[in-house]
Amino acid sequence: MLQILDMQDGLREYAGPGHWNDPDMLEVGNGMPVNEERAHFSMWCLLAAPLITGNDMNHMSAETREILTNPEAIAVDQDALGIQGFKYSTNNNVEIWFKPLAGGSWAMCILNRNQEAKNVSFDWAGEKVTDNFAKRAANFSTTTYTLRDL
C-alpha cells in the first residue's frame, strides 16, 4: 500500500471531477491488521481515489465492513471540490496530509510509517497550510475549525 501511495506523488494536478487518479483497488479486508486497513482506506479517501474493494465482501469482518462503509471518510473521498490531498510534512517517518474540501473545510490525516506507535504534535496556531494548486489556505491562528476523528 505504501509503495502505491508513494507513486501518487506528482499526479495531483491530474485529478479532479471527471478524471480521478486511480492508485488501484483497496486491500482492506485481505489480512492486514485493522490499523493498517484504516490507514489504507484513509489515504485513498484523501487521494480522492475510486474506492474499489478487493476483498471478499461475503466474508469480511465487522471491522472491515465498518472501515469500508464509514460515511464520513467516504464523504472526504467524494467531496464536491474534487481536489486530491497532499503531503504537508514528514518528521521521523510520520506524515501529515491535508486535503481542501468544499465550503472551506479541510481534511487532515496523520500517517505513521513506523512499526511502532508514535506521539505526534501539531502546532495549530503556528502552522499555516497553503495549497498553491487548489489556491486555498488554512490559517489556524485566525480561523476556528472543528476537529472530528473520522
N, C-alpha and C. Protein backbone atom coordinates (compact mmCIF):
# COMPACT_ATOMS: atom_id res chain seq x y z
N MET A 1 0.81 -1.19 0.00
CA MET A 1 0.00 0.00 0.00
C MET A 1 0.86 1.26 0.00
N LEU A 2 1.92 1.28 0.81
CA LEU A 2 2.77 2.47 0.88
C LEU A 2 3.50 2.73 -0.44
N GLN A 3 3.92 1.67 -1.12
CA GLN A 3 4.59 1.85 -2.42
C GLN A 3 3.64 2.49 -3.42
N ILE A 4 2.41 2.05 -3.42
CA ILE A 4 1.42 2.63 -4.34
C ILE A 4 1.12 4.07 -3.96
N LEU A 5 1.02 4.33 -2.68
CA LEU A 5 0.80 5.71 -2.21
C LEU A 5 1.94 6.62 -2.68
N ASP A 6 3.17 6.14 -2.54
CA ASP A 6 4.32 6.95 -2.96
C ASP A 6 4.30 7.23 -4.46
N MET A 7 3.75 6.33 -5.24
CA MET A 7 3.69 6.53 -6.69
C MET A 7 2.68 7.62 -7.08
N GLN A 8 1.87 8.07 -6.15
CA GLN A 8 0.90 9.12 -6.44
C GLN A 8 1.53 10.51 -6.40
N ASP A 9 2.74 10.58 -5.86
CA ASP A 9 3.44 11.86 -5.79
C ASP A 9 3.62 12.44 -7.20
N GLY A 10 3.22 13.67 -7.38
CA GLY A 10 3.35 14.33 -8.67
C GLY A 10 2.15 14.16 -9.59
N LEU A 11 1.15 13.39 -9.15
CA LEU A 11 -0.01 13.17 -10.01
C LEU A 11 -1.21 14.04 -9.62
N ARG A 12 -1.08 14.79 -8.57
CA ARG A 12 -2.19 15.56 -8.02
C ARG A 12 -2.87 16.47 -9.03
N GLU A 13 -2.08 17.11 -9.87
CA GLU A 13 -2.64 18.06 -10.83
C GLU A 13 -3.53 17.40 -11.88
N TYR A 14 -3.45 16.08 -12.00
CA TYR A 14 -4.24 15.38 -13.00
C TYR A 14 -5.58 14.86 -12.46
N ALA A 15 -5.81 15.03 -11.16
CA ALA A 15 -7.05 14.55 -10.54
C ALA A 15 -8.07 15.67 -10.47
N GLY A 16 -9.32 15.30 -10.55
CA GLY A 16 -10.40 16.28 -10.41
C GLY A 16 -11.70 15.71 -10.91
N PRO A 17 -12.76 16.46 -10.75
CA PRO A 17 -14.07 15.95 -11.18
C PRO A 17 -14.04 15.45 -12.63
N GLY A 18 -14.42 14.18 -12.79
CA GLY A 18 -14.46 13.59 -14.12
C GLY A 18 -13.17 12.92 -14.56
N HIS A 19 -12.09 13.05 -13.79
CA HIS A 19 -10.81 12.42 -14.17
C HIS A 19 -9.96 12.17 -12.92
N TRP A 20 -10.27 11.08 -12.24
CA TRP A 20 -9.62 10.75 -10.97
C TRP A 20 -8.39 9.90 -11.18
N ASN A 21 -7.37 10.13 -10.36
CA ASN A 21 -6.22 9.23 -10.33
C ASN A 21 -6.67 7.94 -9.66
N ASP A 22 -6.17 6.81 -10.14
CA ASP A 22 -6.58 5.52 -9.61
C ASP A 22 -5.38 4.75 -9.09
N PRO A 23 -5.14 4.82 -7.76
CA PRO A 23 -3.99 4.10 -7.20
C PRO A 23 -4.23 2.60 -7.04
N ASP A 24 -5.28 2.07 -7.61
CA ASP A 24 -5.61 0.64 -7.63
C ASP A 24 -6.61 0.33 -6.52
N MET A 25 -7.10 -0.91 -6.55
CA MET A 25 -8.17 -1.28 -5.62
C MET A 25 -7.66 -1.37 -4.19
N LEU A 26 -8.60 -1.25 -3.28
CA LEU A 26 -8.30 -1.34 -1.86
C LEU A 26 -7.99 -2.77 -1.45
N GLU A 27 -7.05 -2.93 -0.55
CA GLU A 27 -6.71 -4.23 0.01
C GLU A 27 -7.29 -4.40 1.41
N VAL A 28 -8.17 -3.50 1.80
CA VAL A 28 -8.84 -3.59 3.10
C VAL A 28 -9.64 -4.89 3.12
N GLY A 29 -9.44 -5.69 4.17
CA GLY A 29 -10.15 -6.96 4.28
C GLY A 29 -9.38 -8.15 3.75
N ASN A 30 -8.13 -7.93 3.39
CA ASN A 30 -7.32 -9.02 2.84
C ASN A 30 -6.16 -9.42 3.75
N GLY A 31 -6.37 -9.30 5.07
CA GLY A 31 -5.38 -9.83 6.00
C GLY A 31 -4.49 -8.82 6.70
N MET A 32 -4.65 -7.54 6.45
CA MET A 32 -3.84 -6.56 7.17
C MET A 32 -4.41 -6.36 8.57
N PRO A 33 -3.57 -5.92 9.52
CA PRO A 33 -4.10 -5.53 10.82
C PRO A 33 -5.08 -4.36 10.65
N VAL A 34 -6.02 -4.23 11.56
CA VAL A 34 -7.08 -3.23 11.40
C VAL A 34 -6.52 -1.81 11.34
N ASN A 35 -5.43 -1.51 12.06
CA ASN A 35 -4.86 -0.16 11.99
C ASN A 35 -4.31 0.13 10.60
N GLU A 36 -3.75 -0.87 9.93
CA GLU A 36 -3.25 -0.69 8.57
C GLU A 36 -4.42 -0.54 7.59
N GLU A 37 -5.49 -1.28 7.83
CA GLU A 37 -6.67 -1.14 6.98
C GLU A 37 -7.24 0.27 7.09
N ARG A 38 -7.32 0.81 8.30
CA ARG A 38 -7.82 2.18 8.48
C ARG A 38 -6.92 3.19 7.78
N ALA A 39 -5.61 3.00 7.91
CA ALA A 39 -4.66 3.90 7.26
C ALA A 39 -4.81 3.83 5.73
N HIS A 40 -4.92 2.63 5.20
CA HIS A 40 -5.06 2.43 3.76
C HIS A 40 -6.32 3.13 3.25
N PHE A 41 -7.45 2.89 3.88
CA PHE A 41 -8.71 3.50 3.45
C PHE A 41 -8.65 5.02 3.59
N SER A 42 -8.10 5.49 4.69
CA SER A 42 -7.99 6.94 4.92
C SER A 42 -7.16 7.62 3.84
N MET A 43 -6.04 7.01 3.48
CA MET A 43 -5.19 7.62 2.47
C MET A 43 -5.86 7.61 1.10
N TRP A 44 -6.56 6.55 0.74
CA TRP A 44 -7.26 6.53 -0.54
C TRP A 44 -8.36 7.60 -0.55
N CYS A 45 -9.00 7.82 0.59
CA CYS A 45 -10.01 8.88 0.67
C CYS A 45 -9.36 10.25 0.51
N LEU A 46 -8.19 10.46 1.09
CA LEU A 46 -7.50 11.74 0.92
C LEU A 46 -7.06 11.95 -0.52
N LEU A 47 -6.79 10.87 -1.23
CA LEU A 47 -6.38 10.96 -2.64
C LEU A 47 -7.56 11.20 -3.57
N ALA A 48 -8.78 11.17 -3.05
CA ALA A 48 -9.99 11.28 -3.88
C ALA A 48 -10.00 10.15 -4.90
N ALA A 49 -9.53 8.98 -4.47
CA ALA A 49 -9.40 7.84 -5.37
C ALA A 49 -10.71 7.08 -5.51
N PRO A 50 -10.89 6.38 -6.62
CA PRO A 50 -12.02 5.46 -6.71
C PRO A 50 -11.89 4.41 -5.61
N LEU A 51 -12.96 4.16 -4.89
CA LEU A 51 -12.93 3.21 -3.77
C LEU A 51 -13.46 1.86 -4.25
N ILE A 52 -12.55 1.08 -4.82
CA ILE A 52 -12.88 -0.22 -5.38
C ILE A 52 -12.35 -1.28 -4.42
N THR A 53 -13.25 -2.06 -3.84
CA THR A 53 -12.82 -3.07 -2.88
C THR A 53 -12.21 -4.27 -3.59
N GLY A 54 -11.23 -4.86 -2.95
CA GLY A 54 -10.56 -6.04 -3.50
C GLY A 54 -10.68 -7.23 -2.57
N ASN A 55 -11.66 -7.19 -1.67
CA ASN A 55 -11.83 -8.28 -0.71
C ASN A 55 -13.11 -9.06 -1.01
N ASP A 56 -13.27 -10.19 -0.34
CA ASP A 56 -14.48 -10.99 -0.46
C ASP A 56 -15.53 -10.36 0.46
N MET A 57 -16.46 -9.64 -0.11
CA MET A 57 -17.43 -8.89 0.70
C MET A 57 -18.42 -9.81 1.42
N ASN A 58 -18.52 -11.06 1.00
CA ASN A 58 -19.41 -12.00 1.68
C ASN A 58 -18.81 -12.55 2.97
N HIS A 59 -17.51 -12.39 3.15
CA HIS A 59 -16.83 -12.97 4.31
C HIS A 59 -15.90 -11.96 4.97
N MET A 60 -16.34 -10.75 5.15
CA MET A 60 -15.47 -9.75 5.79
C MET A 60 -15.88 -9.55 7.25
N SER A 61 -14.92 -9.14 8.04
CA SER A 61 -15.16 -8.91 9.46
C SER A 61 -16.01 -7.65 9.65
N ALA A 62 -16.56 -7.52 10.83
CA ALA A 62 -17.33 -6.32 11.17
C ALA A 62 -16.43 -5.09 11.12
N GLU A 63 -15.17 -5.23 11.54
CA GLU A 63 -14.22 -4.10 11.49
C GLU A 63 -13.98 -3.65 10.06
N THR A 64 -13.79 -4.62 9.16
CA THR A 64 -13.57 -4.26 7.75
C THR A 64 -14.81 -3.59 7.17
N ARG A 65 -15.98 -4.12 7.47
CA ARG A 65 -17.23 -3.52 6.99
C ARG A 65 -17.36 -2.07 7.50
N GLU A 66 -17.00 -1.87 8.77
CA GLU A 66 -17.07 -0.53 9.35
C GLU A 66 -16.14 0.44 8.63
N ILE A 67 -14.95 -0.01 8.30
CA ILE A 67 -14.00 0.84 7.58
C ILE A 67 -14.52 1.18 6.19
N LEU A 68 -14.94 0.17 5.46
CA LEU A 68 -15.35 0.36 4.06
C LEU A 68 -16.67 1.12 3.91
N THR A 69 -17.45 1.21 4.97
CA THR A 69 -18.74 1.89 4.88
C THR A 69 -18.80 3.15 5.74
N ASN A 70 -17.65 3.65 6.16
CA ASN A 70 -17.60 4.85 7.00
C ASN A 70 -18.07 6.05 6.18
N PRO A 71 -19.28 6.55 6.46
CA PRO A 71 -19.84 7.61 5.61
C PRO A 71 -19.04 8.91 5.64
N GLU A 72 -18.43 9.24 6.78
CA GLU A 72 -17.66 10.49 6.84
C GLU A 72 -16.36 10.39 6.06
N ALA A 73 -15.70 9.24 6.11
CA ALA A 73 -14.48 9.06 5.32
C ALA A 73 -14.81 9.05 3.83
N ILE A 74 -15.90 8.38 3.47
CA ILE A 74 -16.32 8.36 2.07
C ILE A 74 -16.66 9.78 1.59
N ALA A 75 -17.26 10.58 2.47
CA ALA A 75 -17.57 11.97 2.11
C ALA A 75 -16.30 12.76 1.81
N VAL A 76 -15.22 12.49 2.53
CA VAL A 76 -13.93 13.15 2.24
C VAL A 76 -13.46 12.72 0.85
N ASP A 77 -13.55 11.45 0.56
CA ASP A 77 -13.14 10.94 -0.75
C ASP A 77 -13.94 11.59 -1.87
N GLN A 78 -15.25 11.71 -1.67
CA GLN A 78 -16.15 12.16 -2.72
C GLN A 78 -16.55 13.63 -2.58
N ASP A 79 -15.76 14.39 -1.88
CA ASP A 79 -16.05 15.81 -1.68
C ASP A 79 -16.22 16.53 -3.03
N ALA A 80 -17.18 17.41 -3.07
CA ALA A 80 -17.54 18.10 -4.32
C ALA A 80 -16.40 18.93 -4.90
N LEU A 81 -15.48 19.42 -4.08
CA LEU A 81 -14.37 20.21 -4.60
C LEU A 81 -13.50 19.36 -5.53
N GLY A 82 -13.36 18.08 -5.20
CA GLY A 82 -12.65 17.16 -6.09
C GLY A 82 -11.14 17.35 -6.15
N ILE A 83 -10.56 17.84 -5.08
CA ILE A 83 -9.11 18.07 -5.04
C ILE A 83 -8.43 16.93 -4.30
N GLN A 84 -7.39 16.36 -4.88
CA GLN A 84 -6.61 15.32 -4.22
C GLN A 84 -5.79 15.93 -3.10
N GLY A 85 -5.66 15.22 -2.00
CA GLY A 85 -4.87 15.69 -0.87
C GLY A 85 -3.38 15.71 -1.18
N PHE A 86 -2.62 16.27 -0.25
CA PHE A 86 -1.17 16.37 -0.44
C PHE A 86 -0.44 16.17 0.88
N LYS A 87 0.80 15.70 0.76
CA LYS A 87 1.64 15.53 1.94
C LYS A 87 2.16 16.91 2.35
N TYR A 88 1.84 17.31 3.56
CA TYR A 88 2.23 18.63 4.07
C TYR A 88 3.61 18.57 4.71
N SER A 89 3.85 17.52 5.49
CA SER A 89 5.13 17.42 6.19
C SER A 89 5.45 15.98 6.54
N THR A 90 6.73 15.73 6.79
CA THR A 90 7.21 14.42 7.25
C THR A 90 8.23 14.66 8.35
N ASN A 91 8.08 13.92 9.46
CA ASN A 91 9.02 14.02 10.57
C ASN A 91 9.13 12.65 11.22
N ASN A 92 10.33 12.08 11.21
CA ASN A 92 10.57 10.76 11.80
C ASN A 92 9.64 9.70 11.22
N ASN A 93 9.44 9.74 9.93
CA ASN A 93 8.62 8.75 9.22
C ASN A 93 7.13 8.86 9.55
N VAL A 94 6.73 10.00 10.08
CA VAL A 94 5.31 10.29 10.31
C VAL A 94 4.93 11.44 9.39
N GLU A 95 3.92 11.21 8.56
CA GLU A 95 3.49 12.19 7.57
C GLU A 95 2.19 12.86 7.99
N ILE A 96 2.08 14.13 7.69
CA ILE A 96 0.83 14.85 7.87
C ILE A 96 0.34 15.27 6.50
N TRP A 97 -0.88 14.87 6.19
CA TRP A 97 -1.51 15.14 4.90
C TRP A 97 -2.71 16.04 5.10
N PHE A 98 -2.99 16.88 4.10
CA PHE A 98 -4.16 17.74 4.10
C PHE A 98 -4.89 17.62 2.76
N LYS A 99 -6.18 17.85 2.83
CA LYS A 99 -7.00 17.87 1.61
C LYS A 99 -8.02 18.98 1.78
N PRO A 100 -8.02 19.97 0.86
CA PRO A 100 -9.05 21.01 0.94
C PRO A 100 -10.40 20.43 0.53
N LEU A 101 -11.43 20.87 1.23
CA LEU A 101 -12.79 20.40 0.96
C LEU A 101 -13.69 21.57 0.59
N ALA A 102 -14.81 21.25 -0.02
CA ALA A 102 -15.78 22.29 -0.38
C ALA A 102 -16.22 23.05 0.87
N GLY A 103 -16.53 24.30 0.71
CA GLY A 103 -17.03 25.12 1.81
C GLY A 103 -15.95 25.63 2.74
N GLY A 104 -14.68 25.47 2.39
CA GLY A 104 -13.60 25.99 3.22
C GLY A 104 -13.10 25.03 4.29
N SER A 105 -13.66 23.83 4.34
CA SER A 105 -13.19 22.83 5.31
C SER A 105 -11.91 22.16 4.82
N TRP A 106 -11.27 21.44 5.72
CA TRP A 106 -10.07 20.69 5.40
C TRP A 106 -10.14 19.31 6.04
N ALA A 107 -9.57 18.32 5.38
CA ALA A 107 -9.34 17.01 5.98
C ALA A 107 -7.86 16.90 6.27
N MET A 108 -7.54 16.26 7.38
CA MET A 108 -6.15 16.05 7.77
C MET A 108 -5.99 14.58 8.11
N CYS A 109 -4.88 14.01 7.72
CA CYS A 109 -4.59 12.62 8.05
C CYS A 109 -3.13 12.53 8.50
N ILE A 110 -2.91 11.79 9.57
CA ILE A 110 -1.56 11.53 10.06
C ILE A 110 -1.24 10.08 9.76
N LEU A 111 -0.21 9.85 8.98
CA LEU A 111 0.20 8.52 8.57
C LEU A 111 1.53 8.17 9.22
N ASN A 112 1.51 7.17 10.07
CA ASN A 112 2.71 6.70 10.75
C ASN A 112 3.27 5.52 9.96
N ARG A 113 4.43 5.71 9.34
CA ARG A 113 5.06 4.64 8.55
C ARG A 113 5.97 3.75 9.40
N ASN A 114 6.07 4.03 10.66
CA ASN A 114 6.92 3.25 11.56
C ASN A 114 6.21 1.97 11.99
N GLN A 115 6.97 1.04 12.51
CA GLN A 115 6.41 -0.21 13.02
C GLN A 115 5.82 -0.04 14.41
N GLU A 116 6.23 1.00 15.11
CA GLU A 116 5.73 1.24 16.46
C GLU A 116 4.91 2.53 16.50
N ALA A 117 4.07 2.63 17.51
CA ALA A 117 3.24 3.83 17.69
C ALA A 117 4.14 5.03 17.96
N LYS A 118 3.69 6.19 17.55
CA LYS A 118 4.43 7.44 17.76
C LYS A 118 3.48 8.50 18.31
N ASN A 119 4.00 9.32 19.20
CA ASN A 119 3.26 10.50 19.63
C ASN A 119 3.49 11.59 18.60
N VAL A 120 2.44 12.30 18.25
CA VAL A 120 2.52 13.34 17.23
C VAL A 120 1.92 14.61 17.81
N SER A 121 2.60 15.71 17.58
CA SER A 121 2.02 17.00 17.96
C SER A 121 2.00 17.88 16.71
N PHE A 122 1.02 18.77 16.68
CA PHE A 122 0.87 19.69 15.56
C PHE A 122 0.56 21.05 16.15
N ASP A 123 1.37 22.03 15.83
CA ASP A 123 1.22 23.39 16.37
C ASP A 123 0.18 24.14 15.54
N TRP A 124 -1.09 23.97 15.91
CA TRP A 124 -2.18 24.56 15.13
C TRP A 124 -2.02 26.06 14.97
N ALA A 125 -1.68 26.75 16.02
CA ALA A 125 -1.56 28.22 15.94
C ALA A 125 -0.35 28.64 15.12
N GLY A 126 0.68 27.81 15.07
CA GLY A 126 1.91 28.18 14.37
C GLY A 126 2.00 27.71 12.93
N GLU A 127 1.05 26.91 12.49
CA GLU A 127 1.09 26.36 11.13
C GLU A 127 0.07 27.06 10.24
N LYS A 128 0.49 27.35 9.03
CA LYS A 128 -0.43 27.86 8.02
C LYS A 128 -0.29 26.94 6.81
N VAL A 129 -1.32 26.17 6.57
CA VAL A 129 -1.31 25.21 5.46
C VAL A 129 -1.70 25.95 4.19
N THR A 130 -0.81 25.94 3.22
CA THR A 130 -1.09 26.59 1.94
C THR A 130 -1.06 25.55 0.84
N ASP A 131 -2.11 25.54 0.05
CA ASP A 131 -2.20 24.64 -1.09
C ASP A 131 -2.21 25.51 -2.34
N ASN A 132 -1.05 25.68 -2.93
CA ASN A 132 -0.92 26.54 -4.11
C ASN A 132 -1.71 25.98 -5.29
N PHE A 133 -1.78 24.66 -5.42
CA PHE A 133 -2.51 24.05 -6.53
C PHE A 133 -4.00 24.40 -6.45
N ALA A 134 -4.58 24.22 -5.27
CA ALA A 134 -6.02 24.50 -5.09
C ALA A 134 -6.29 25.97 -4.80
N LYS A 135 -5.23 26.73 -4.61
CA LYS A 135 -5.35 28.16 -4.28
C LYS A 135 -6.19 28.36 -3.02
N ARG A 136 -5.81 27.59 -1.98
CA ARG A 136 -6.51 27.66 -0.70
C ARG A 136 -5.49 27.63 0.42
N ALA A 137 -5.89 28.20 1.55
CA ALA A 137 -5.01 28.20 2.72
C ALA A 137 -5.85 28.01 3.97
N ALA A 138 -5.24 27.39 4.95
CA ALA A 138 -5.86 27.23 6.26
C ALA A 138 -4.96 27.90 7.28
N ASN A 139 -5.40 28.98 7.82
CA ASN A 139 -4.64 29.69 8.84
C ASN A 139 -5.33 29.43 10.18
N PHE A 140 -4.80 28.48 10.92
CA PHE A 140 -5.43 28.03 12.15
C PHE A 140 -5.35 29.06 13.27
N SER A 141 -4.50 30.06 13.14
CA SER A 141 -4.41 31.08 14.18
C SER A 141 -5.49 32.15 14.03
N THR A 142 -6.12 32.23 12.85
CA THR A 142 -7.14 33.26 12.65
C THR A 142 -8.52 32.69 12.33
N THR A 143 -8.59 31.42 12.00
CA THR A 143 -9.87 30.79 11.67
C THR A 143 -10.13 29.65 12.64
N THR A 144 -11.35 29.55 13.10
CA THR A 144 -11.72 28.47 14.01
C THR A 144 -12.28 27.30 13.21
N TYR A 145 -11.71 26.14 13.42
CA TYR A 145 -12.15 24.91 12.78
C TYR A 145 -12.62 23.94 13.87
N THR A 146 -13.51 23.04 13.51
CA THR A 146 -13.95 21.98 14.40
C THR A 146 -13.22 20.71 14.01
N LEU A 147 -12.62 20.05 14.99
CA LEU A 147 -11.90 18.82 14.74
C LEU A 147 -12.81 17.61 14.94
N ARG A 148 -12.77 16.67 14.00
CA ARG A 148 -13.53 15.42 14.10
C ARG A 148 -12.63 14.26 13.75
N ASP A 149 -12.70 13.20 14.52
CA ASP A 149 -11.94 11.98 14.24
C ASP A 149 -12.86 11.07 13.43
N LEU A 150 -12.55 10.93 12.15
CA LEU A 150 -13.41 10.11 11.29
C LEU A 150 -13.05 8.65 11.40
